[in-house]
Protein backbone atom coordinates (compact mmCIF):
# COMPACT_ATOMS: atom_id res chain seq x y z
CA MET A 1 -0.16 -0.12 -0.06
CA PRO A 2 1.29 3.53 -0.74
CA SER A 3 2.36 5.51 2.21
CA GLN A 4 0.41 8.38 1.26
CA SER A 5 -2.67 5.65 1.91
CA LEU A 6 -1.66 4.69 5.33
CA HIS A 7 -4.40 6.81 6.68
CA LEU A 8 -7.10 4.24 5.04
CA ILE A 9 -5.93 1.51 7.46
CA SER A 10 -7.85 0.77 10.45
CA ARG A 11 -8.20 -1.86 13.30
CA TYR A 12 -10.33 -5.23 12.00
CA ALA A 13 -13.74 -4.86 13.82
CA GLY A 14 -15.22 -7.96 12.27
CA GLY A 15 -14.85 -10.47 15.14
CA ALA A 16 -12.13 -12.58 16.75
CA GLU A 17 -8.98 -11.28 15.26
CA GLU A 18 -8.09 -15.25 15.23
CA ASN A 19 -11.23 -15.68 12.58
CA ALA A 20 -9.77 -12.98 10.49
CA PRO A 21 -7.97 -14.82 7.76
CA LEU A 22 -5.09 -12.69 5.96
CA HIS A 23 -4.98 -13.61 2.20
CA LYS A 24 -2.37 -12.57 -0.22
CA LEU A 25 -3.81 -10.16 -2.95
CA GLY A 26 -4.37 -12.41 -6.07
CA GLY A 27 -3.85 -15.71 -4.57
CA ASP A 28 -6.26 -18.33 -4.71
CA ALA A 29 -7.47 -18.14 -1.20
CA TRP A 30 -8.26 -14.44 -1.70
CA SER A 31 -10.18 -15.23 -5.09
CA ARG A 32 -12.35 -18.20 -3.40
CA ALA A 33 -12.91 -15.77 -0.39
CA ARG A 34 -14.23 -13.01 -2.82
CA GLN A 35 -16.16 -15.54 -4.94
CA LYS A 36 -17.96 -16.96 -1.91
CA ALA A 37 -18.48 -13.27 -0.56
CA ALA A 38 -20.03 -12.56 -4.13
CA GLU A 39 -22.33 -15.47 -4.04
CA LYS A 40 -23.57 -14.96 -0.38
CA VAL A 41 -24.66 -11.12 -1.68
CA ARG A 42 -26.38 -12.75 -4.75
CA ASP A 43 -28.47 -15.26 -2.45
CA VAL A 44 -29.51 -12.25 -0.24
CA ALA A 45 -30.41 -10.04 -2.93
CA ALA A 46 -32.60 -13.08 -4.76
CA GLU A 47 -33.96 -13.74 -1.44
CA LEU A 48 -34.92 -9.97 -1.04
CA LEU A 49 -36.66 -10.14 -4.50
CA ASP A 50 -38.39 -12.84 -3.61
CA ILE A 51 -39.74 -11.46 -0.65
CA TYR A 52 -40.82 -8.58 -2.30
CA ALA A 53 -42.36 -10.45 -5.31
CA GLN A 54 -44.55 -12.37 -2.79
CA ARG A 55 -45.43 -9.08 -0.88
CA ALA A 56 -46.45 -7.36 -4.05
CA ALA A 57 -48.48 -10.36 -5.32
CA LYS A 58 -50.67 -10.05 -1.84
CA GLU A 59 -53.77 -8.05 -1.79
CA GLY A 60 -53.86 -5.46 1.04
CA PHE A 61 -57.07 -3.70 2.62
CA ALA A 62 -57.78 -0.48 1.27
CA PHE A 63 -59.01 1.72 4.07
CA LYS A 64 -61.87 4.08 3.23
CA HIS A 65 -61.44 7.73 4.43
CA ASP A 66 -64.11 9.41 5.90
CA ARG A 67 -62.77 13.12 5.64
CA GLU A 68 -65.46 14.42 7.81
CA GLN A 69 -64.65 12.16 10.82
CA TYR A 70 -60.96 12.17 10.24
CA GLN A 71 -61.10 16.16 10.16
CA LEU A 72 -62.90 16.20 13.42
CA PHE A 73 -60.22 13.98 14.87
CA CYS A 74 -57.32 15.90 13.31
CA ASP A 75 -59.35 19.24 14.82
CA SER A 76 -58.43 17.71 18.19
CA PHE A 77 -54.44 18.00 17.91
CA PRO A 78 -53.48 20.94 19.87
CA PHE A 79 -50.61 21.91 17.80
CA GLU A 80 -49.98 23.39 14.32
CA THR A 81 -49.10 20.72 12.09
CA THR A 82 -45.77 21.31 10.19
CA PRO A 83 -44.92 20.83 6.53
CA ASP A 84 -42.99 17.67 7.09
CA GLN A 85 -45.64 16.14 9.35
CA ALA A 86 -48.32 16.91 7.00
CA GLN A 87 -46.13 15.33 4.17
CA ALA A 88 -45.64 12.16 6.40
CA ILE A 89 -49.58 12.05 7.40
CA ASN A 90 -50.67 12.08 3.74
CA ALA A 91 -48.27 9.64 2.53
CA VAL A 92 -49.15 7.14 5.31
CA LEU A 93 -52.90 7.68 4.30
CA SER A 94 -52.32 7.42 0.50
CA ASP A 95 -50.89 4.03 1.27
CA MET A 96 -53.18 3.22 3.52
CA CYS A 97 -56.22 3.48 1.00
CA GLN A 98 -54.11 1.36 -1.56
CA PRO A 99 -55.14 -2.08 -1.85
CA LEU A 100 -51.71 -3.43 -1.28
CA ALA A 101 -49.75 -4.29 1.92
CA MET A 102 -48.31 -1.01 3.37
CA ASP A 103 -44.50 -0.80 3.42
CA ARG A 104 -43.48 2.67 5.35
CA LEU A 105 -40.92 3.45 7.88
CA VAL A 106 -41.52 7.02 9.49
CA CYS A 107 -38.36 7.89 10.91
CA GLY A 108 -37.46 11.38 12.87
CA ASP A 109 -36.02 12.83 15.94
CA VAL A 110 -37.74 13.06 19.21
CA GLY A 111 -40.43 15.56 19.23
CA PHE A 112 -40.92 15.68 15.46
CA GLY A 113 -44.52 14.68 15.38
CA LYS A 114 -44.38 10.69 14.64
CA THR A 115 -46.65 9.83 17.26
CA GLU A 116 -49.09 12.19 15.59
CA VAL A 117 -48.86 10.53 12.26
CA ALA A 118 -49.50 7.43 14.08
CA MET A 119 -52.46 8.52 15.92
CA ARG A 120 -54.11 9.95 12.47
CA ALA A 121 -53.37 6.44 10.70
CA ALA A 122 -54.87 4.83 14.01
CA PHE A 123 -57.91 6.65 13.63
CA MET A 124 -58.40 5.86 10.05
CA ALA A 125 -57.67 2.04 11.03
CA VAL A 126 -60.25 1.88 13.55
CA ASP A 127 -62.69 4.17 11.59
CA ASN A 128 -62.59 1.10 9.23
CA HIS A 129 -63.25 -1.32 11.98
CA LYS A 130 -59.89 -2.37 12.38
CA GLN A 131 -57.65 -3.02 15.27
CA VAL A 132 -54.43 -1.09 16.00
CA ALA A 133 -51.14 -1.89 17.92
CA VAL A 134 -48.79 0.51 18.99
CA LEU A 135 -45.33 -1.47 19.58
CA VAL A 136 -42.57 0.60 21.65
CA PRO A 137 -39.17 -0.38 22.74
CA THR A 138 -39.71 0.90 26.58
CA THR A 139 -42.21 0.97 29.30
CA LEU A 140 -41.78 4.48 29.62
CA LEU A 141 -42.91 5.38 26.21
CA ALA A 142 -45.45 3.00 26.38
CA GLN A 143 -46.95 4.72 29.20
CA GLN A 144 -46.64 8.02 27.52
CA HIS A 145 -48.25 6.53 24.07
CA TYR A 146 -51.21 4.99 26.34
CA ASP A 147 -51.71 8.46 28.16
CA ASN A 148 -51.49 10.45 24.65
CA PHE A 149 -54.01 7.97 22.91
CA ARG A 150 -56.37 7.77 25.64
CA ASP A 151 -56.50 11.48 25.55
CA ARG A 152 -56.69 12.02 21.70
CA PHE A 153 -59.29 9.03 21.47
CA ALA A 154 -61.60 10.09 24.60
CA ASN A 155 -64.10 11.67 22.39
CA TRP A 156 -64.21 8.13 20.28
CA PRO A 157 -65.84 5.04 20.96
CA VAL A 158 -62.29 3.33 20.80
CA ARG A 159 -61.13 1.08 23.91
CA ILE A 160 -57.43 2.12 24.27
CA GLU A 161 -55.40 -0.62 26.66
CA MET A 162 -51.74 -0.80 27.53
CA ILE A 163 -49.54 -4.19 27.86
CA SER A 164 -46.58 -3.65 29.82
CA ARG A 165 -44.37 -5.66 32.10
CA PHE A 166 -45.39 -3.23 34.95
CA ARG A 167 -49.06 -4.70 34.55
CA SER A 168 -50.12 -7.64 35.98
CA ALA A 169 -50.21 -10.80 33.84
CA ASN A 170 -54.26 -11.22 34.43
CA THR A 171 -54.93 -7.76 33.68
CA SER A 172 -52.74 -7.94 30.48
CA ARG A 173 -54.68 -10.99 29.87
CA ALA A 174 -58.03 -9.53 29.92
CA ASP A 175 -56.63 -6.62 27.81
CA ALA A 176 -55.42 -8.83 25.14
CA ASN A 177 -58.46 -11.52 24.93
CA PRO A 178 -60.62 -8.94 22.90
CA CYS A 179 -57.98 -8.25 20.37
CA GLY A 180 -57.61 -12.06 19.49
CA SER A 181 -61.20 -12.53 19.19
CA GLY A 182 -61.63 -9.23 16.91
CA GLY A 183 -63.33 -7.53 19.57
CA ARG A 184 -63.72 -3.69 19.65
CA GLU A 185 -65.84 -0.93 21.19
CA ASN A 186 -67.51 0.81 18.10
């Protein structure tokens, strides 16, 4: 390697050092390792293509958009919707109205309105007699979302429950049973 490129060398971080084989560039071992890696990449790509083809072939549920009810729900949002929020909400709702399986991830920093995007999508789902589950990574966030969803849906015939490790198994089971049987409030 030329000395002016030494800054490109870094410590190997791919696992235990004894499992990091060194090959002579241009040697047979290097060629075989490269070929094996290329085959694995092709296999993963083929698997992903198959997954996406199967997904595209499945029919999804096209939600109906009751604009009047939806607008009443939106009007209860105590803040002004930002342009980015509005764009994300419109994209999610547009996806939900298509007869295809939805494939969208909403990303954003803390405090940028992801919960409101989720609430509006949840409203459209329950307005179409579907159930909604919101999964979160921490019990604190579960409690915050539970409180926020209960407040926002307080004027609607929607049952909001929370299952977390801080609730008894019996309570969690009782709250989950209507979900498993397709039960709902409205």
